[in-house]
């Protein structure tokens, strides 16, 4: 858990709003903020609790800027995200959480930024970002090999990138990414990172994907 949170807080842009979908993300993240003083600029919203009226009202005390969001709109993740984006705020979530209808996700690492579908990043940009992250898997997992949640988050982010890659990448890159995934699943993060680095070189060689 600590490895995931450390990476997520490091990747969250300044002033980001984190749409947390699990108790672990929400409460562990809040603990890190309140008890350890980590990233107080990040606002964590526990999306399953938006169904509770008391929580929607309490949001104003957590983040005063949410007072500008109509109370009725706070119950819907879609409407809440739309209001936050209109305020110019960066909205992020873990790679395992799908954005609401009309939005797409751009990888930052274990966190992905939610953007309007009209501003969707090109698939080749998603591919390169995912490869840049997985090329450092050996460093990210150094000493954190038993952190199952972190490993799952890394794998989920990579799997999303692989789906984007299938739309734009030539077979040689896809094959190398599949090798990376197989090595990762086998517990060999250094070999997986090596394959990702090789795929990144191919993806950034200057030739069209």
Protein backbone atom coordinates (compact mmCIF):
# COMPACT_ATOMS: atom_id res chain seq x y z
CA UNK A 1 0.00 0.00 0.00
CA UNK A 2 2.74 2.47 0.87
CA UNK A 3 4.43 2.00 -2.50
CA UNK A 4 1.20 2.70 -4.38
CA UNK A 5 0.37 5.79 -2.33
CA UNK A 6 3.88 7.13 -2.58
CA UNK A 7 3.85 6.79 -6.34
CA UNK A 8 0.32 8.17 -6.67
CA UNK A 9 1.03 11.26 -4.57
CA UNK A 10 4.24 11.83 -6.49
CA UNK A 11 2.37 11.70 -9.80
CA UNK A 12 -0.69 13.75 -8.85
CA UNK A 13 -0.53 17.24 -10.44
CA UNK A 14 -0.68 20.25 -8.10
CA UNK A 15 -4.19 20.87 -6.80
CA UNK A 16 -5.56 17.66 -8.30
CA UNK A 17 -8.89 16.13 -7.29
CA UNK A 18 -8.47 12.39 -6.78
CA UNK A 19 -11.64 10.36 -7.40
CA UNK A 20 -10.96 7.44 -5.06
CA UNK A 21 -13.12 4.38 -5.67
CA UNK A 22 -11.91 2.05 -2.89
CA UNK A 23 -11.62 2.30 0.88
CA UNK A 24 -7.88 1.67 0.58
CA UNK A 25 -7.28 4.58 -1.77
CA UNK A 26 -9.54 6.89 0.18
CA UNK A 27 -8.70 6.18 3.80
CA UNK A 28 -5.05 5.32 3.35
CA UNK A 29 -4.65 8.45 1.24
CA UNK A 30 -6.41 10.59 3.85
CA UNK A 31 -4.20 9.08 6.56
CA UNK A 32 -1.11 10.04 4.60
CA UNK A 33 -2.42 13.57 4.25
CA UNK A 34 -3.67 14.15 7.80
CA UNK A 35 -1.09 12.19 9.78
CA UNK A 36 2.00 12.37 7.58
CA UNK A 37 1.40 15.75 5.96
CA UNK A 38 1.73 14.41 2.42
CA UNK A 39 0.23 16.37 -0.47
CA UNK A 40 -2.36 18.48 1.36
CA UNK A 41 -3.04 20.21 -1.98
CA UNK A 42 -4.70 17.05 -3.35
CA UNK A 43 -8.42 16.67 -2.66
CA UNK A 44 -9.56 13.08 -2.20
CA UNK A 45 -13.22 12.37 -2.99
CA UNK A 46 -14.59 8.96 -2.02
CA UNK A 47 -16.89 8.32 -4.97
CA UNK A 48 -19.00 5.49 -3.43
CA UNK A 49 -19.90 7.85 -0.56
CA UNK A 50 -21.37 10.46 -2.90
CA UNK A 51 -24.66 8.61 -2.46
CA UNK A 52 -24.74 9.80 1.17
CA UNK A 53 -26.21 13.25 1.76
CA UNK A 54 -24.04 13.89 4.82
CA UNK A 55 -20.88 13.18 2.81
CA UNK A 56 -21.92 15.47 -0.04
CA UNK A 57 -22.47 18.27 2.49
CA UNK A 58 -19.20 17.50 4.24
CA UNK A 59 -17.30 17.95 0.99
CA UNK A 60 -17.50 21.71 1.42
CA UNK A 61 -15.47 21.50 4.63
CA UNK A 62 -12.89 19.27 2.91
CA UNK A 63 -12.52 21.56 -0.07
CA UNK A 64 -14.20 24.99 0.01
CA UNK A 65 -14.09 25.23 -3.78
CA UNK A 66 -16.69 22.45 -3.89
CA UNK A 67 -19.20 24.91 -2.41
CA UNK A 68 -19.52 26.27 -5.95
CA UNK A 69 -20.70 22.86 -7.18
CA UNK A 70 -24.52 22.62 -7.00
CA UNK A 71 -25.55 20.23 -4.23
CA UNK A 72 -27.64 18.12 -6.61
CA UNK A 73 -24.63 17.68 -8.93
CA UNK A 74 -22.44 16.21 -6.18
CA UNK A 75 -24.34 12.91 -6.20
CA UNK A 76 -23.33 12.11 -9.77
CA UNK A 77 -19.68 11.43 -10.58
CA UNK A 78 -20.33 12.60 -14.15
CA UNK A 79 -21.87 15.92 -13.07
CA UNK A 80 -19.29 16.46 -10.34
CA UNK A 81 -16.42 15.88 -12.73
CA UNK A 82 -18.02 18.23 -15.27
CA UNK A 83 -18.25 20.97 -12.64
CA UNK A 84 -14.68 20.42 -11.51
CA UNK A 85 -13.40 20.54 -15.08
CA UNK A 86 -15.35 23.77 -15.67
CA UNK A 87 -13.44 25.19 -12.70
CA UNK A 88 -10.24 24.24 -14.49
CA UNK A 89 -9.30 21.55 -11.98
CA UNK A 90 -7.31 18.43 -12.78
CA UNK A 91 -9.25 15.25 -12.02
CA UNK A 92 -7.37 11.97 -11.54
CA UNK A 93 -8.16 8.39 -10.58
CA UNK A 94 -6.33 5.10 -10.40
CA UNK A 95 -5.97 3.24 -13.68
CA UNK A 96 -8.47 0.64 -12.41
CA UNK A 97 -11.29 3.23 -12.32
CA UNK A 98 -13.02 4.03 -15.60
CA UNK A 99 -13.89 7.68 -16.29
CA UNK A 100 -17.56 8.62 -16.65
CA UNK A 101 -19.28 8.82 -20.03
CA UNK A 102 -17.90 11.58 -22.21
CA UNK A 103 -14.44 11.45 -20.60
CA UNK A 104 -11.23 9.61 -21.39
CA UNK A 105 -8.11 8.92 -19.35
CA UNK A 106 -4.50 9.90 -19.97
CA UNK A 107 -1.82 7.94 -18.09
CA UNK A 108 0.35 9.61 -15.49
CA UNK A 109 1.55 6.30 -14.05
CA UNK A 110 -0.58 4.50 -11.48
CA UNK A 111 -2.91 7.49 -11.72
CA UNK A 112 -4.67 8.57 -14.89
CA UNK A 113 -5.98 12.06 -15.64
CA UNK A 114 -9.58 12.37 -16.79
CA UNK A 115 -10.10 14.61 -19.81
CA UNK A 116 -13.09 15.48 -21.95
CA UNK A 117 -13.44 13.05 -24.86
CA UNK A 118 -13.08 16.03 -27.20
CA UNK A 119 -9.54 16.45 -25.80
CA UNK A 120 -8.65 12.77 -25.94
CA UNK A 121 -4.89 12.18 -26.17
CA UNK A 122 -3.73 10.34 -29.29
CA UNK A 123 -3.24 6.60 -28.83
CA UNK A 124 0.46 6.92 -29.62
CA UNK A 125 0.82 9.46 -26.78
CA UNK A 126 -0.90 7.05 -24.38
CA UNK A 127 1.42 4.28 -25.58
CA UNK A 128 4.59 6.30 -25.03
CA UNK A 129 3.49 7.45 -21.57
CA UNK A 130 2.75 3.88 -20.48
CA UNK A 131 6.07 2.64 -21.85
CA UNK A 132 7.97 5.42 -20.08
CA UNK A 133 6.39 4.32 -16.81
CA UNK A 134 6.85 0.58 -17.22
CA UNK A 135 10.47 1.03 -18.30
CA UNK A 136 11.10 1.95 -14.65
CA UNK A 137 9.19 -0.97 -13.11
CA UNK A 138 12.38 -2.42 -11.68
CA UNK A 139 13.03 0.83 -9.80
CA UNK A 140 9.42 1.28 -8.72
CA UNK A 141 9.19 -2.25 -7.32
CA UNK A 142 12.59 -2.25 -5.68
CA UNK A 143 11.84 -3.26 -2.11
CA UNK A 144 8.10 -3.30 -2.83
CA UNK A 145 7.82 -6.73 -4.41
CA UNK A 146 5.35 -7.90 -1.78
CA UNK A 147 3.05 -4.90 -2.31
CA UNK A 148 0.31 -6.71 -4.19
CA UNK A 149 -1.91 -3.64 -4.53
CA UNK A 150 0.88 -1.62 -6.11
CA UNK A 151 1.73 -4.44 -8.50
CA UNK A 152 -1.92 -4.70 -9.52
CA UNK A 153 -2.09 -0.96 -10.15
CA UNK A 154 1.02 -1.08 -12.33
CA UNK A 155 -0.35 -4.03 -14.28
CA UNK A 156 -3.76 -2.41 -14.77
CA UNK A 157 -2.19 0.78 -16.09
CA UNK A 158 -0.02 -1.22 -18.48
CA UNK A 159 -3.01 -3.27 -19.68
CA UNK A 160 -4.89 -0.07 -20.54
CA UNK A 161 -1.86 1.14 -22.47
CA UNK A 162 -1.66 -2.17 -24.29
CA UNK A 163 -5.25 -1.75 -25.47
CA UNK A 164 -4.34 1.64 -26.91
CA UNK A 165 -1.20 0.16 -28.46
CA UNK A 166 -3.22 -2.44 -30.36
CA UNK A 167 -4.86 0.40 -32.28
CA UNK A 168 -1.63 2.04 -33.43
CA UNK A 169 1.47 -0.04 -32.75
CA UNK A 170 3.19 -2.38 -35.22
CA UNK A 171 3.53 -6.07 -34.34
CA UNK A 172 7.12 -5.74 -33.11
CA UNK A 173 6.08 -3.29 -30.36
CA UNK A 174 3.03 -5.34 -29.41
CA UNK A 175 5.15 -8.49 -29.18
CA UNK A 176 7.67 -6.73 -26.96
CA UNK A 177 4.92 -5.39 -24.72
CA UNK A 178 3.44 -8.88 -24.41
CA UNK A 179 6.88 -10.14 -23.39
CA UNK A 180 7.03 -7.39 -20.77
CA UNK A 181 3.65 -8.40 -19.39
CA UNK A 182 4.62 -12.08 -19.26
CA UNK A 183 7.83 -11.23 -17.40
CA UNK A 184 5.94 -9.00 -14.97
CA UNK A 185 3.38 -11.73 -14.28
CA UNK A 186 6.25 -14.13 -13.66
CA UNK A 187 7.62 -11.79 -11.01
CA UNK A 188 10.60 -10.61 -13.06
CA UNK A 189 10.21 -6.82 -12.95
CA UNK A 190 13.75 -6.07 -14.25
CA UNK A 191 13.20 -8.16 -17.39
CA UNK A 192 9.77 -6.59 -17.87
CA UNK A 193 11.28 -3.11 -17.57
CA UNK A 194 13.96 -4.07 -20.09
CA UNK A 195 11.30 -5.11 -22.60
CA UNK A 196 9.38 -1.89 -22.01
CA UNK A 197 12.53 0.15 -22.55
CA UNK A 198 13.11 -1.66 -25.84
CA UNK A 199 9.52 -1.00 -26.92
CA UNK A 200 9.90 2.67 -25.95
CA UNK A 201 12.96 2.99 -28.15
CA UNK A 202 10.96 1.58 -31.04
CA UNK A 203 7.99 3.85 -30.29
CA UNK A 204 10.15 6.99 -30.14
CA UNK A 205 12.46 6.20 -33.02
CA UNK A 206 10.89 8.90 -35.17
CA UNK A 207 9.25 6.52 -37.59
CA UNK A 208 5.44 6.45 -37.70
CA UNK A 209 3.79 3.89 -35.48
